[in-house]
Protein backbone atom coordinates (compact mmCIF):
# COMPACT_ATOMS: atom_id res chain seq x y z
CA MET A 1 -90.10 -5.65 -229.23
CA LEU A 2 -90.65 -9.36 -229.54
CA THR A 3 -93.61 -10.47 -227.52
CA GLU A 4 -92.78 -14.15 -227.24
CA GLU A 5 -92.85 -15.25 -223.62
CA GLN A 6 -92.65 -18.70 -222.21
CA LYS A 7 -92.63 -20.35 -218.85
CA THR A 8 -89.83 -22.86 -218.32
CA GLY A 9 -90.41 -24.31 -214.90
CA GLU A 10 -90.16 -21.20 -212.74
CA ILE A 11 -88.10 -19.24 -215.26
CA ASP A 12 -89.76 -16.56 -217.41
CA ILE A 13 -87.88 -15.75 -220.61
CA SER A 14 -89.00 -12.99 -222.98
CA GLY A 15 -87.42 -11.42 -226.06
CA THR A 16 -86.26 -14.76 -227.48
CA ASP A 17 -87.39 -18.39 -227.52
CA GLU A 18 -85.84 -21.30 -225.66
CA GLY A 19 -83.75 -23.40 -228.02
CA TYR A 20 -82.62 -21.68 -231.22
CA ASP A 21 -84.65 -18.61 -232.14
CA THR A 22 -84.35 -17.95 -235.88
CA THR A 23 -85.55 -14.35 -235.48
CA THR A 24 -82.98 -13.26 -232.87
CA GLN A 25 -80.36 -15.89 -233.83
CA VAL A 26 -79.93 -16.60 -230.10
CA ALA A 27 -79.63 -20.12 -228.73
CA THR A 28 -81.09 -20.30 -225.21
CA VAL A 29 -80.55 -23.33 -222.98
CA VAL A 30 -81.98 -23.75 -219.49
CA ASP A 31 -79.77 -26.20 -217.61
CA GLY A 32 -80.60 -26.63 -213.93
CA GLN A 33 -79.46 -23.51 -212.11
CA LYS A 34 -78.17 -21.69 -215.21
CA VAL A 35 -79.59 -20.04 -218.31
CA LEU A 36 -77.11 -19.96 -221.19
CA LEU A 37 -77.54 -17.59 -224.15
CA GLN A 38 -75.30 -17.80 -227.20
CA ARG A 39 -75.25 -15.83 -230.44
CA ILE A 40 -72.62 -16.59 -233.06
CA LEU A 41 -72.24 -14.32 -236.09
CA THR A 42 -68.97 -12.64 -237.10
CA SER A 43 -68.27 -12.43 -233.37
CA THR A 44 -69.51 -14.65 -230.54
CA VAL A 45 -71.49 -13.75 -227.43
CA VAL A 46 -71.99 -16.29 -224.64
CA ILE A 47 -73.82 -15.30 -221.46
CA SER A 48 -74.58 -17.53 -218.50
CA VAL A 49 -76.81 -16.29 -215.68
CA ASP A 50 -78.28 -17.89 -212.61
CA SER A 51 -81.78 -19.17 -213.35
CA SER A 52 -83.18 -17.41 -210.28
CA ALA A 53 -81.69 -14.00 -211.20
CA GLU A 54 -83.76 -11.17 -212.65
CA THR A 55 -81.69 -10.13 -215.65
CA THR A 56 -82.18 -7.93 -218.71
CA ILE A 57 -79.70 -8.39 -221.56
CA ASN A 58 -79.23 -5.63 -224.14
CA LEU A 59 -77.24 -6.98 -227.07
CA GLU A 60 -75.88 -5.10 -230.07
CA GLN A 61 -73.78 -7.29 -232.32
CA ASP A 62 -72.53 -6.83 -235.88
CA GLY A 63 -74.55 -3.63 -236.27
CA LYS A 64 -77.87 -5.12 -235.16
CA GLU A 65 -79.47 -4.24 -231.84
CA LEU A 66 -81.82 -6.88 -230.47
CA ASP A 67 -84.87 -6.19 -228.38
CA PRO A 68 -84.06 -6.70 -224.68
CA ILE A 69 -83.99 -10.31 -223.50
CA GLN A 70 -85.41 -10.67 -220.01
CA ILE A 71 -84.99 -13.56 -217.64
CA ASN A 72 -87.38 -13.35 -214.66
CA GLY A 73 -87.56 -9.54 -214.73
CA GLN A 74 -85.30 -6.50 -214.71
CA ASP A 75 -83.18 -6.31 -211.54
CA THR A 76 -79.75 -6.58 -213.25
CA THR A 77 -78.91 -5.21 -216.69
CA ILE A 78 -76.14 -6.55 -218.93
CA ASN A 79 -75.19 -4.38 -221.92
CA ILE A 80 -73.06 -5.90 -224.68
CA SER A 81 -71.96 -4.06 -227.80
CA GLN A 82 -69.64 -5.69 -230.33
């Protein structure tokens, strides 16, 4: 599991970096009340969650399963498989 963690205001993001993460190929943008995650390969995944939500995102895309991406904790889980 990736161990990168960063504090963005009051938002904790782990499993990917804010901005474009070359390891996960996920672009993460914190914009006011929303956190937007986007990964574009053969298919596209775009996820927008409230910045105060506790969300875990499990993403399997194009045969590659990423380590879980967590925003503020683990209350809600989103599973995406493409």
